[in-house]
Structure formats: structure tokens, C-alpha cells
Amino acid sequence: MSDPRADRAGSEPALAGEVGVKARRKLAARRHATPGVWSGLGMMGLIGWSVVVPTLLGAALGMWLDAHHPGRHPWTLALLVAGLTLGCLNAWRWMAKEERAMRRDVDEHDDPHA
């Protein structure tokens, strides 16, 4: 009678190879797939929040400063604009980084020697 552990040990490398092939196939499919509508909406939401949060924080800080330390010039408008500027710069930097990463992926997969 054969040992069942010996049969399992012989099939483990075959199983690992099959899992590796499936994983490579799945990654290749993801690379060549076009992003869907939900992906685009998610990206717009992420970029939107990266602009909205600093803008609202700047406005809130400005309102607090105006209430506790009134001056000749309102802090609310100045800090709202500063938050908006910071949020837009952050979104632009993030989008530029994502574009560089996408170009790098395309270049790596188009190069037959890579």
C-alpha cells in the first residue's frame, strides 16, 4: 500500500506551479484591462476629497481665528484659499505620480527584453 503523504509531497510542486501560472495570468489580465466606470468614479472621489478636506480645514481654522482673534482682515477667506491651494497641489502631485507609474508599467511591459 502506498503512503498518502508521499503522494501529496509529489503533487505540491505541481500545485505550486499551477498557482504561479494562474497568478501570472491574472496579473497580465489586470494590466491589459481597461478601467471601468466605477474605477473612474472612485478616482474622481479620491481626488475630490484630497481637495475638499484641506479647504474645509482651512475655512474652519479661519472661522475659529476670526472668532477668537478678530483683526482688521478676515482669516476665514485667506485660510480657505490657502487650503484650496494646498489641496489642488496635493491632487496634482498625486495624479502626476500615478501617471508616471502607469507610463513605467507600460514601458516595462512593451520592452521585450525586460
PDB file of N, CA and C in Angstrom:
ATOM      1  N   MET A   1       0.851  -1.164   0.000  1.00  0.00           N
ATOM      2  CA  MET A   1       0.000   0.000   0.000  1.00  0.00           C
ATOM      3  C   MET A   1       0.900   1.231   0.000  1.00  0.00           C
ATOM      4  N   SER A   2       0.528   2.266  -0.765  1.00  0.00           N
ATOM      5  CA  SER A   2       1.371   3.455  -0.863  1.00  0.00           C
ATOM      6  C   SER A   2       1.057   4.428   0.262  1.00  0.00           C
ATOM      7  N   ASP A   3       2.047   5.227   0.576  1.00  0.00           N
ATOM      8  CA  ASP A   3       1.925   6.213   1.651  1.00  0.00           C
ATOM      9  C   ASP A   3       1.230   7.470   1.098  1.00  0.00           C
ATOM     10  N   PRO A   4       0.086   7.907   1.664  1.00  0.00           N
ATOM     11  CA  PRO A   4      -0.609   9.095   1.141  1.00  0.00           C
ATOM     12  C   PRO A   4       0.217  10.359   1.275  1.00  0.00           C
ATOM     13  N   ARG A   5       1.118  10.411   2.281  1.00  0.00           N
ATOM     14  CA  ARG A   5       1.970  11.599   2.423  1.00  0.00           C
ATOM     15  C   ARG A   5       2.942  11.709   1.259  1.00  0.00           C
ATOM     16  N   ALA A   6       3.410  10.619   0.751  1.00  0.00           N
ATOM     17  CA  ALA A   6       4.336  10.637  -0.388  1.00  0.00           C
ATOM     18  C   ALA A   6       3.621  11.143  -1.636  1.00  0.00           C
ATOM     19  N   ASP A   7       2.353  10.770  -1.822  1.00  0.00           N
ATOM     20  CA  ASP A   7       1.586  11.248  -2.978  1.00  0.00           C
ATOM     21  C   ASP A   7       1.377  12.752  -2.900  1.00  0.00           C
ATOM     22  N   ARG A   8       1.067  13.242  -1.690  1.00  0.00           N
ATOM     23  CA  ARG A   8       0.872  14.681  -1.507  1.00  0.00           C
ATOM     24  C   ARG A   8       2.155  15.444  -1.753  1.00  0.00           C
ATOM     25  N   ALA A   9       3.269  14.931  -1.281  1.00  0.00           N
ATOM     26  CA  ALA A   9       4.558  15.607  -1.443  1.00  0.00           C
ATOM     27  C   ALA A   9       4.917  15.734  -2.915  1.00  0.00           C
ATOM     28  N   GLY A  10       4.581  14.749  -3.720  1.00  0.00           N
ATOM     29  CA  GLY A  10       4.874  14.812  -5.153  1.00  0.00           C
ATOM     30  C   GLY A  10       3.980  15.790  -5.879  1.00  0.00           C
ATOM     31  N   SER A  11       2.777  16.020  -5.378  1.00  0.00           N
ATOM     32  CA  SER A  11       1.848  16.922  -6.066  1.00  0.00           C
ATOM     33  C   SER A  11       2.027  18.373  -5.635  1.00  0.00           C
ATOM     34  N   GLU A  12       2.742  18.639  -4.527  1.00  0.00           N
ATOM     35  CA  GLU A  12       2.916  20.016  -4.063  1.00  0.00           C
ATOM     36  C   GLU A  12       3.654  20.893  -5.068  1.00  0.00           C
ATOM     37  N   PRO A  13       4.772  20.440  -5.672  1.00  0.00           N
ATOM     38  CA  PRO A  13       5.421  21.293  -6.683  1.00  0.00           C
ATOM     39  C   PRO A  13       4.515  21.548  -7.891  1.00  0.00           C
ATOM     40  N   ALA A  14       3.737  20.555  -8.287  1.00  0.00           N
ATOM     41  CA  ALA A  14       2.818  20.744  -9.415  1.00  0.00           C
ATOM     42  C   ALA A  14       1.744  21.767  -9.047  1.00  0.00           C
ATOM     43  N   LEU A  15       1.248  21.682  -7.817  1.00  0.00           N
ATOM     44  CA  LEU A  15       0.231  22.634  -7.359  1.00  0.00           C
ATOM     45  C   LEU A  15       0.808  24.044  -7.292  1.00  0.00           C
ATOM     46  N   ALA A  16       2.021  24.170  -6.766  1.00  0.00           N
ATOM     47  CA  ALA A  16       2.664  25.485  -6.686  1.00  0.00           C
ATOM     48  C   ALA A  16       2.873  26.068  -8.085  1.00  0.00           C
ATOM     49  N   GLY A  17       3.277  25.238  -9.023  1.00  0.00           N
ATOM     50  CA  GLY A  17       3.452  25.710 -10.397  1.00  0.00           C
ATOM     51  C   GLY A  17       2.138  26.161 -11.014  1.00  0.00           C
ATOM     52  N   GLU A  18       1.074  25.401 -10.759  1.00  0.00           N
ATOM     53  CA  GLU A  18      -0.244  25.768 -11.296  1.00  0.00           C
ATOM     54  C   GLU A  18      -0.739  27.083 -10.696  1.00  0.00           C
ATOM     55  N   VAL A  19      -0.537  27.268  -9.389  1.00  0.00           N
ATOM     56  CA  VAL A  19      -0.926  28.516  -8.728  1.00  0.00           C
ATOM     57  C   VAL A  19      -0.128  29.680  -9.310  1.00  0.00           C
ATOM     58  N   GLY A  20       1.166  29.468  -9.540  1.00  0.00           N
ATOM     59  CA  GLY A  20       2.005  30.513 -10.126  1.00  0.00           C
ATOM     60  C   GLY A  20       1.539  30.906 -11.518  1.00  0.00           C
ATOM     61  N   VAL A  21       1.187  29.921 -12.331  1.00  0.00           N
ATOM     62  CA  VAL A  21       0.702  30.208 -13.688  1.00  0.00           C
ATOM     63  C   VAL A  21      -0.594  31.007 -13.630  1.00  0.00           C
ATOM     64  N   LYS A  22      -1.509  30.608 -12.751  1.00  0.00           N
ATOM     65  CA  LYS A  22      -2.784  31.325 -12.633  1.00  0.00           C
ATOM     66  C   LYS A  22      -2.578  32.748 -12.131  1.00  0.00           C
ATOM     67  N   ALA A  23      -1.655  32.925 -11.184  1.00  0.00           N
ATOM     68  CA  ALA A  23      -1.385  34.268 -10.656  1.00  0.00           C
ATOM     69  C   ALA A  23      -0.797  35.158 -11.746  1.00  0.00           C
ATOM     70  N   ARG A  24       0.138  34.634 -12.541  1.00  0.00           N
ATOM     71  CA  ARG A  24       0.714  35.428 -13.630  1.00  0.00           C
ATOM     72  C   ARG A  24      -0.350  35.789 -14.664  1.00  0.00           C
ATOM     73  N   ARG A  25      -1.232  34.854 -14.971  1.00  0.00           N
ATOM     74  CA  ARG A  25      -2.302  35.104 -15.931  1.00  0.00           C
ATOM     75  C   ARG A  25      -3.252  36.187 -15.421  1.00  0.00           C
ATOM     76  N   LYS A  26      -3.568  36.137 -14.120  1.00  0.00           N
ATOM     77  CA  LYS A  26      -4.462  37.132 -13.529  1.00  0.00           C
ATOM     78  C   LYS A  26      -3.826  38.521 -13.541  1.00  0.00           C
ATOM     79  N   LEU A  27      -2.532  38.600 -13.207  1.00  0.00           N
ATOM     80  CA  LEU A  27      -1.838  39.892 -13.231  1.00  0.00           C
ATOM     81  C   LEU A  27      -1.756  40.456 -14.649  1.00  0.00           C
ATOM     82  N   ALA A  28      -1.512  39.599 -15.628  1.00  0.00           N
ATOM     83  CA  ALA A  28      -1.462  40.059 -17.019  1.00  0.00           C
ATOM     84  C   ALA A  28      -2.827  40.579 -17.456  1.00  0.00           C
ATOM     85  N   ALA A  29      -3.887  39.908 -17.046  1.00  0.00           N
ATOM     86  CA  ALA A  29      -5.234  40.361 -17.401  1.00  0.00           C
ATOM     87  C   ALA A  29      -5.545  41.709 -16.773  1.00  0.00           C
ATOM     88  N   ARG A  30      -5.119  41.925 -15.537  1.00  0.00           N
ATOM     89  CA  ARG A  30      -5.346  43.214 -14.884  1.00  0.00           C
ATOM     90  C   ARG A  30      -4.580  44.333 -15.571  1.00  0.00           C
ATOM     91  N   ARG A  31      -3.360  44.027 -16.030  1.00  0.00           N
ATOM     92  CA  ARG A  31      -2.549  45.047 -16.698  1.00  0.00           C
ATOM     93  C   ARG A  31      -3.186  45.496 -18.009  1.00  0.00           C
ATOM     94  N   HIS A  32      -3.771  44.576 -18.731  1.00  0.00           N
ATOM     95  CA  HIS A  32      -4.302  44.888 -20.052  1.00  0.00           C
ATOM     96  C   HIS A  32      -5.783  45.243 -20.045  1.00  0.00           C
ATOM     97  N   ALA A  33      -6.416  45.207 -18.880  1.00  0.00           N
ATOM     98  CA  ALA A  33      -7.840  45.533 -18.783  1.00  0.00           C
ATOM     99  C   ALA A  33      -8.032  47.046 -18.786  1.00  0.00           C
ATOM    100  N   THR A  34      -9.106  47.482 -19.389  1.00  0.00           N
ATOM    101  CA  THR A  34      -9.438  48.905 -19.348  1.00  0.00           C
ATOM    102  C   THR A  34     -10.201  49.174 -18.062  1.00  0.00           C
ATOM    103  N   PRO A  35      -9.873  50.277 -17.375  1.00  0.00           N
ATOM    104  CA  PRO A  35     -10.568  50.575 -16.125  1.00  0.00           C
ATOM    105  C   PRO A  35     -12.050  50.854 -16.381  1.00  0.00           C
ATOM    106  N   GLY A  36     -12.878  50.415 -15.468  1.00  0.00           N
ATOM    107  CA  GLY A  36     -14.312  50.583 -15.619  1.00  0.00           C
ATOM    108  C   GLY A  36     -14.810  51.918 -15.107  1.00  0.00           C
ATOM    109  N   VAL A  37     -16.110  52.087 -15.209  1.00  0.00           N
ATOM    110  CA  VAL A  37     -16.759  53.317 -14.772  1.00  0.00           C
ATOM    111  C   VAL A  37     -16.566  53.511 -13.265  1.00  0.00           C
ATOM    112  N   TRP A  38     -16.718  52.429 -12.503  1.00  0.00           N
ATOM    113  CA  TRP A  38     -16.603  52.540 -11.049  1.00  0.00           C
ATOM    114  C   TRP A  38     -15.195  52.939 -10.645  1.00  0.00           C
ATOM    115  N   SER A  39     -14.212  52.443 -11.368  1.00  0.00           N
ATOM    116  CA  SER A  39     -12.827  52.822 -11.072  1.00  0.00           C
ATOM    117  C   SER A  39     -12.624  54.319 -11.303  1.00  0.00           C
ATOM    118  N   GLY A  40     -13.172  54.831 -12.403  1.00  0.00           N
ATOM    119  CA  GLY A  40     -13.064  56.261 -12.694  1.00  0.00           C
ATOM    120  C   GLY A  40     -13.778  57.114 -11.664  1.00  0.00           C
ATOM    121  N   LEU A  41     -14.971  56.672 -11.260  1.00  0.00           N
ATOM    122  CA  LEU A  41     -15.708  57.419 -10.239  1.00  0.00           C
ATOM    123  C   LEU A  41     -14.974  57.389  -8.900  1.00  0.00           C
ATOM    124  N   GLY A  42     -14.384  56.259  -8.568  1.00  0.00           N
ATOM    125  CA  GLY A  42     -13.609  56.166  -7.338  1.00  0.00           C
ATOM    126  C   GLY A  42     -12.409  57.094  -7.366  1.00  0.00           C
ATOM    127  N   MET A  43     -11.748  57.167  -8.513  1.00  0.00           N
ATOM    128  CA  MET A  43     -10.583  58.046  -8.650  1.00  0.00           C
ATOM    129  C   MET A  43     -11.008  59.507  -8.514  1.00  0.00           C
ATOM    130  N   MET A  44     -12.129  59.870  -9.144  1.00  0.00           N
ATOM    131  CA  MET A  44     -12.614  61.254  -9.027  1.00  0.00           C
ATOM    132  C   MET A  44     -12.976  61.575  -7.580  1.00  0.00           C
ATOM    133  N   GLY A  45     -13.562  60.625  -6.878  1.00  0.00           N
ATOM    134  CA  GLY A  45     -13.909  60.841  -5.482  1.00  0.00           C
ATOM    135  C   GLY A  45     -12.676  61.026  -4.615  1.00  0.00           C
ATOM    136  N   LEU A  46     -11.663  60.218  -4.873  1.00  0.00           N
ATOM    137  CA  LEU A  46     -10.422  60.327  -4.105  1.00  0.00           C
ATOM    138  C   LEU A  46      -9.755  61.672  -4.340  1.00  0.00           C
ATOM    139  N   ILE A  47      -9.701  62.096  -5.583  1.00  0.00           N
ATOM    140  CA  ILE A  47      -9.099  63.397  -5.905  1.00  0.00           C
ATOM    141  C   ILE A  47      -9.943  64.524  -5.318  1.00  0.00           C
ATOM    142  N   GLY A  48     -11.250  64.395  -5.394  1.00  0.00           N
ATOM    143  CA  GLY A  48     -12.138  65.411  -4.837  1.00  0.00           C
ATOM    144  C   GLY A  48     -11.939  65.584  -3.340  1.00  0.00           C
ATOM    145  N   TRP A  49     -11.865  64.471  -2.621  1.00  0.00           N
ATOM    146  CA  TRP A  49     -11.669  64.565  -1.173  1.00  0.00           C
ATOM    147  C   TRP A  49     -10.307  65.133  -0.824  1.00  0.00           C
ATOM    148  N   SER A  50      -9.300  64.871  -1.674  1.00  0.00           N
ATOM    149  CA  SER A  50      -7.973  65.419  -1.375  1.00  0.00           C
ATOM    150  C   SER A  50      -7.946  66.932  -1.538  1.00  0.00           C
ATOM    151  N   VAL A  51      -8.938  67.499  -2.234  1.00  0.00           N
ATOM    152  CA  VAL A  51      -9.059  68.952  -2.369  1.00  0.00           C
ATOM    153  C   VAL A  51     -10.012  69.504  -1.302  1.00  0.00           C
ATOM    154  N   VAL A  52     -11.103  68.809  -1.068  1.00  0.00           N
ATOM    155  CA  VAL A  52     -12.145  69.297  -0.157  1.00  0.00           C
ATOM    156  C   VAL A  52     -11.666  69.343   1.300  1.00  0.00           C
ATOM    157  N   VAL A  53     -10.965  68.314   1.740  1.00  0.00           N
ATOM    158  CA  VAL A  53     -10.576  68.244   3.159  1.00  0.00           C
ATOM    159  C   VAL A  53      -9.671  69.414   3.561  1.00  0.00           C
ATOM    160  N   PRO A  54      -8.570  69.704   2.838  1.00  0.00           N
ATOM    161  CA  PRO A  54      -7.763  70.863   3.251  1.00  0.00           C
ATOM    162  C   PRO A  54      -8.518  72.189   3.145  1.00  0.00           C
ATOM    163  N   THR A  55      -9.422  72.293   2.159  1.00  0.00           N
ATOM    164  CA  THR A  55     -10.210  73.527   2.014  1.00  0.00           C
ATOM    165  C   THR A  55     -11.104  73.731   3.230  1.00  0.00           C
ATOM    166  N   LEU A  56     -11.801  72.688   3.646  1.00  0.00           N
ATOM    167  CA  LEU A  56     -12.691  72.808   4.806  1.00  0.00           C
ATOM    168  C   LEU A  56     -11.909  73.015   6.098  1.00  0.00           C
ATOM    169  N   LEU A  57     -10.764  72.358   6.216  1.00  0.00           N
ATOM    170  CA  LEU A  57      -9.943  72.573   7.415  1.00  0.00           C
ATOM    171  C   LEU A  57      -9.436  74.010   7.478  1.00  0.00           C
ATOM    172  N   GLY A  58      -9.031  74.559   6.347  1.00  0.00           N
ATOM    173  CA  GLY A  58      -8.593  75.957   6.314  1.00  0.00           C
ATOM    174  C   GLY A  58      -9.719  76.905   6.678  1.00  0.00           C
ATOM    175  N   ALA A  59     -10.912  76.652   6.145  1.00  0.00           N
ATOM    176  CA  ALA A  59     -12.062  77.503   6.465  1.00  0.00           C
ATOM    177  C   ALA A  59     -12.422  77.400   7.947  1.00  0.00           C
ATOM    178  N   ALA A  60     -12.392  76.183   8.479  1.00  0.00           N
ATOM    179  CA  ALA A  60     -12.729  76.009   9.902  1.00  0.00           C
ATOM    180  C   ALA A  60     -11.712  76.705  10.797  1.00  0.00           C
ATOM    181  N   LEU A  61     -10.427  76.563  10.479  1.00  0.00           N
ATOM    182  CA  LEU A  61      -9.400  77.244  11.256  1.00  0.00           C
ATOM    183  C   LEU A  61      -9.553  78.761  11.142  1.00  0.00           C
ATOM    184  N   GLY A  62      -9.861  79.245   9.950  1.00  0.00           N
ATOM    185  CA  GLY A  62     -10.074  80.681   9.762  1.00  0.00           C
ATOM    186  C   GLY A  62     -11.258  81.199  10.561  1.00  0.00           C
ATOM    187  N   MET A  63     -12.352  80.429  10.582  1.00  0.00           N
ATOM    188  CA  MET A  63     -13.517  80.845  11.366  1.00  0.00           C
ATOM    189  C   MET A  63     -13.185  80.881  12.862  1.00  0.00           C
ATOM    190  N   TRP A  64     -12.414  79.899  13.324  1.00  0.00           N
ATOM    191  CA  TRP A  64     -12.028  79.872  14.730  1.00  0.00           C
ATOM    192  C   TRP A  64     -11.139  81.075  15.051  1.00  0.00           C
ATOM    193  N   LEU A  65     -10.179  81.357  14.182  1.00  0.00           N
ATOM    194  CA  LEU A  65      -9.305  82.510  14.417  1.00  0.00           C
ATOM    195  C   LEU A  65     -10.091  83.826  14.397  1.00  0.00           C
ATOM    196  N   ASP A  66     -11.047  83.955  13.472  1.00  0.00           N
ATOM    197  CA  ASP A  66     -11.869  85.169  13.419  1.00  0.00           C
ATOM    198  C   ASP A  66     -12.695  85.332  14.691  1.00  0.00           C
ATOM    199  N   ALA A  67     -13.170  84.218  15.248  1.00  0.00           N
ATOM    200  CA  ALA A  67     -13.996  84.291  16.459  1.00  0.00           C
ATOM    201  C   ALA A  67     -13.158  84.602  17.695  1.00  0.00           C
ATOM    202  N   HIS A  68     -11.954  84.064  17.767  1.00  0.00           N
ATOM    203  CA  HIS A  68     -11.132  84.224  18.970  1.00  0.00           C
ATOM    204  C   HIS A  68     -10.099  85.341  18.880  1.00  0.00           C
ATOM    205  N   HIS A  69      -9.682  85.682  17.680  1.00  0.00           N
ATOM    206  CA  HIS A  69      -8.669  86.725  17.494  1.00  0.00           C
ATOM    207  C   HIS A  69      -9.074  87.631  16.321  1.00  0.00           C
ATOM    208  N   PRO A  70     -10.130  88.418  16.514  1.00  0.00           N
ATOM    209  CA  PRO A  70     -10.582  89.258  15.405  1.00  0.00           C
ATOM    210  C   PRO A  70      -9.509  90.290  15.041  1.00  0.00           C
ATOM    211  N   GLY A  71      -9.417  90.544  13.777  1.00  0.00           N
ATOM    212  CA  GLY A  71      -8.441  91.517  13.299  1.00  0.00           C
ATOM    213  C   GLY A  71      -9.042  92.352  12.194  1.00  0.00           C
ATOM    214  N   ARG A  72      -8.187  93.140  11.576  1.00  0.00           N
ATOM    215  CA  ARG A  72      -8.653  94.005  10.505  1.00  0.00           C
ATOM    216  C   ARG A  72      -9.027  93.201   9.264  1.00  0.00           C
ATOM    217  N   HIS A  73      -8.308  92.102   8.999  1.00  0.00           N
ATOM    218  CA  HIS A  73      -8.569  91.267   7.829  1.00  0.00           C
ATOM    219  C   HIS A  73      -9.114  89.909   8.277  1.00  0.00           C
ATOM    220  N   PRO A  74     -10.094  89.388   7.541  1.00  0.00           N
ATOM    221  CA  PRO A  74     -10.674  88.097   7.944  1.00  0.00           C
ATOM    222  C   PRO A  74      -9.724  86.927   7.637  1.00  0.00           C
ATOM    223  N   TRP A  75      -9.602  86.043   8.602  1.00  0.00           N
ATOM    224  CA  TRP A  75      -8.777  84.856   8.419  1.00  0.00           C
ATOM    225  C   TRP A  75      -9.484  83.803   7.589  1.00  0.00           C
ATOM    226  N   THR A  76     -10.800  83.759   7.647  1.00  0.00           N
ATOM    227  CA  THR A  76     -11.556  82.694   7.004  1.00  0.00           C
ATOM    228  C   THR A  76     -11.266  82.616   5.511  1.00  0.00           C
ATOM    229  N   LEU A  77     -11.364  83.729   4.826  1.00  0.00           N
ATOM    230  CA  LEU A  77     -11.148  83.723   3.382  1.00  0.00           C
ATOM    231  C   LEU A  77      -9.701  83.371   3.034  1.00  0.00           C
ATOM    232  N   ALA A  78      -8.767  83.915   3.778  1.00  0.00           N
ATOM    233  CA  ALA A  78      -7.347  83.655   3.499  1.00  0.00           C
ATOM    234  C   ALA A  78      -7.009  82.182   3.693  1.00  0.00           C
ATOM    235  N   LEU A  79      -7.477  81.594   4.780  1.00  0.00           N
ATOM    236  CA  LEU A  79      -7.158  80.194   5.038  1.00  0.00           C
ATOM    237  C   LEU A  79      -7.972  79.250   4.160  1.00  0.00           C
ATOM    238  N   LEU A  80      -9.165  79.671   3.743  1.00  0.00           N
ATOM    239  CA  LEU A  80      -9.934  78.875   2.790  1.00  0.00           C
ATOM    240  C   LEU A  80      -9.175  78.780   1.467  1.00  0.00           C
ATOM    241  N   VAL A  81      -8.663  79.901   0.983  1.00  0.00           N
ATOM    242  CA  VAL A  81      -7.889  79.910  -0.269  1.00  0.00           C
ATOM    243  C   VAL A  81      -6.588  79.121  -0.094  1.00  0.00           C
ATOM    244  N   ALA A  82      -5.940  79.263   1.060  1.00  0.00           N
ATOM    245  CA  ALA A  82      -4.710  78.506   1.317  1.00  0.00           C
ATOM    246  C   ALA A  82      -4.988  77.000   1.328  1.00  0.00           C
ATOM    247  N   GLY A  83      -6.082  76.585   1.949  1.00  0.00           N
ATOM    248  CA  GLY A  83      -6.461  75.164   1.967  1.00  0.00           C
ATOM    249  C   GLY A  83      -6.798  74.653   0.587  1.00  0.00           C
ATOM    250  N   LEU A  84      -7.512  75.467  -0.191  1.00  0.00           N
ATOM    251  CA  LEU A  84      -7.847  75.088  -1.558  1.00  0.00           C
ATOM    252  C   LEU A  84      -6.584  74.929  -2.397  1.00  0.00           C
ATOM    253  N   THR A  85      -5.649  75.860  -2.255  1.00  0.00           N
ATOM    254  CA  THR A  85      -4.389  75.784  -2.994  1.00  0.00           C
ATOM    255  C   THR A  85      -3.607  74.538  -2.594  1.00  0.00           C
ATOM    256  N   LEU A  86      -3.514  74.286  -1.307  1.00  0.00           N
ATOM    257  CA  LEU A  86      -2.803  73.104  -0.819  1.00  0.00           C
ATOM    258  C   LEU A  86      -3.455  71.816  -1.335  1.00  0.00           C
ATOM    259  N   GLY A  87      -4.787  71.762  -1.311  1.00  0.00           N
ATOM    260  CA  GLY A  87      -5.497  70.582  -1.801  1.00  0.00           C
ATOM    261  C   GLY A  87      -5.293  70.362  -3.294  1.00  0.00           C
ATOM    262  N   CYS A  88      -5.329  71.432  -4.073  1.00  0.00           N
ATOM    263  CA  CYS A  88      -5.111  71.301  -5.521  1.00  0.00           C
ATOM    264  C   CYS A  88      -3.684  70.853  -5.824  1.00  0.00           C
ATOM    265  N   LEU A  89      -2.715  71.398  -5.106  1.00  0.00           N
ATOM    266  CA  LEU A  89      -1.324  70.965  -5.307  1.00  0.00           C
ATOM    267  C   LEU A  89      -1.135  69.499  -4.924  1.00  0.00           C
ATOM    268  N   ASN A  90      -1.771  69.091  -3.856  1.00  0.00           N
ATOM    269  CA  ASN A  90      -1.698  67.698  -3.429  1.00  0.00           C
ATOM    270  C   ASN A  90      -2.314  66.774  -4.478  1.00  0.00           C
ATOM    271  N   ALA A  91      -3.478  67.134  -5.004  1.00  0.00           N
ATOM    272  CA  ALA A  91      -4.136  66.320  -6.033  1.00  0.00           C
ATOM    273  C   ALA A  91      -3.293  66.270  -7.303  1.00  0.00           C
ATOM    274  N   TRP A  92      -2.724  67.389  -7.701  1.00  0.00           N
ATOM    275  CA  TRP A  92      -1.882  67.433  -8.898  1.00  0.00           C
ATOM    276  C   TRP A  92      -0.650  66.553  -8.717  1.00  0.00           C
ATOM    277  N   ARG A  93      -0.010  66.612  -7.543  1.00  0.00           N
ATOM    278  CA  ARG A  93       1.174  65.800  -7.268  1.00  0.00           C
ATOM    279  C   ARG A  93       0.830  64.314  -7.291  1.00  0.00           C
ATOM    280  N   TRP A  94      -0.307  63.961  -6.720  1.00  0.00           N
ATOM    281  CA  TRP A  94      -0.722  62.562  -6.679  1.00  0.00           C
ATOM    282  C   TRP A  94      -1.024  62.050  -8.090  1.00  0.00           C
ATOM    283  N   MET A  95      -1.720  62.863  -8.892  1.00  0.00           N
ATOM    284  CA  MET A  95      -2.040  62.448 -10.264  1.00  0.00           C
ATOM    285  C   MET A  95      -0.775  62.312 -11.103  1.00  0.00           C
ATOM    286  N   ALA A  96       0.191  63.203 -10.926  1.00  0.00           N
ATOM    287  CA  ALA A  96       1.452  63.113 -11.663  1.00  0.00           C
ATOM    288  C   ALA A  96       2.202  61.836 -11.285  1.00  0.00           C
ATOM    289  N   LYS A  97       2.179  61.480 -10.001  1.00  0.00           N
ATOM    290  CA  LYS A  97       2.834  60.254  -9.554  1.00  0.00           C
ATOM    291  C   LYS A  97       2.158  59.025 -10.162  1.00  0.00           C
ATOM    292  N   GLU A  98       0.823  59.012 -10.198  1.00  0.00           N
ATOM    293  CA  GLU A  98       0.091  57.892 -10.793  1.00  0.00           C
ATOM    294  C   GLU A  98       0.374  57.780 -12.293  1.00  0.00           C
ATOM    295  N   GLU A  99       0.440  58.916 -12.978  1.00  0.00           N
ATOM    296  CA  GLU A  99       0.726  58.890 -14.415  1.00  0.00           C
ATOM    297  C   GLU A  99       2.125  58.333 -14.674  1.00  0.00           C
ATOM    298  N   ARG A 100       3.104  58.742 -13.865  1.00  0.00           N
ATOM    299  CA  ARG A 100       4.467  58.204 -14.020  1.00  0.00           C
ATOM    300  C   ARG A 100       4.480  56.695 -13.807  1.00  0.00           C
ATOM    301  N   ALA A 101       3.736  56.227 -12.805  1.00  0.00           N
ATOM    302  CA  ALA A 101       3.679  54.785 -12.526  1.00  0.00           C
ATOM    303  C   ALA A 101       3.029  54.035 -13.688  1.00  0.00           C
ATOM    304  N   MET A 102       1.961  54.602 -14.276  1.00  0.00           N
ATOM    305  CA  MET A 102       1.314  53.947 -15.411  1.00  0.00           C
ATOM    306  C   MET A 102       2.238  53.900 -16.619  1.00  0.00           C
ATOM    307  N   ARG A 103       2.953  54.995 -16.885  1.00  0.00           N
ATOM    308  CA  ARG A 103       3.897  55.003 -18.005  1.00  0.00           C
ATOM    309  C   ARG A 103       5.015  53.997 -17.786  1.00  0.00           C
ATOM    310  N   ARG A 104       5.498  53.890 -16.546  1.00  0.00           N
ATOM    311  CA  ARG A 104       6.560  52.933 -16.235  1.00  0.00           C
ATOM    312  C   ARG A 104       6.064  51.509 -16.477  1.00  0.00           C
ATOM    313  N   ASP A 105       4.817  51.205 -16.067  1.00  0.00           N
ATOM    314  CA  ASP A 105       4.259  49.873 -16.294  1.00  0.00           C
ATOM    315  C   ASP A 105       4.141  49.573 -17.781  1.00  0.00           C
ATOM    316  N   VAL A 106       3.671  50.554 -18.551  1.00  0.00           N
ATOM    317  CA  VAL A 106       3.525  50.353 -19.996  1.00  0.00           C
ATOM    318  C   VAL A 106       4.889  50.132 -20.635  1.00  0.00           C
ATOM    319  N   ASP A 107       5.875  50.933 -20.263  1.00  0.00           N
ATOM    320  CA  ASP A 107       7.221  50.788 -20.821  1.00  0.00           C
ATOM    321  C   ASP A 107       7.823  49.426 -20.463  1.00  0.00           C
ATOM    322  N   GLU A 108       7.643  48.965 -19.232  1.00  0.00           N
ATOM    323  CA  GLU A 108       8.192  47.687 -18.818  1.00  0.00           C
ATOM    324  C   GLU A 108       7.557  46.537 -19.569  1.00  0.00           C
ATOM    325  N   HIS A 109       6.250  46.616 -19.844  1.00  0.00           N
ATOM    326  CA  HIS A 109       5.554  45.516 -20.496  1.00  0.00           C
ATOM    327  C   HIS A 109       5.689  45.562 -22.009  1.00  0.00           C
ATOM    328  N   ASP A 110       6.055  46.700 -22.563  1.00  0.00           N
ATOM    329  CA  ASP A 110       6.273  46.786 -24.004  1.00  0.00           C
ATOM    330  C   ASP A 110       7.685  46.384 -24.387  1.00  0.00           C
ATOM    331  N   ASP A 111       8.635  46.452 -23.462  1.00  0.00           N
ATOM    332  CA  ASP A 111      10.023  46.110 -23.729  1.00  0.00           C
ATOM    333  C   ASP A 111      10.170  44.585 -23.732  1.00  0.00           C
ATOM    334  N   PRO A 112      10.532  43.969 -24.867  1.00  0.00           N
ATOM    335  CA  PRO A 112      10.609  42.508 -24.915  1.00  0.00           C
ATOM    336  C   PRO A 112      11.787  41.951 -24.119  1.00  0.00           C
ATOM    337  N   HIS A 113      12.760  42.777 -23.755  1.00  0.00           N
ATOM    338  CA  HIS A 113      13.921  42.298 -23.022  1.00  0.00           C
ATOM    339  C   HIS A 113      13.778  42.463 -21.519  1.00  0.00           C
ATOM    340  N   ALA A 114      12.693  43.071 -21.076  1.00  0.00           N
ATOM    341  CA  ALA A 114      12.505  43.302 -19.641  1.00  0.00           C
ATOM    342  C   ALA A 114      12.024  42.058 -18.955  1.00  0.00           C
TER     343      ALA A 114
END
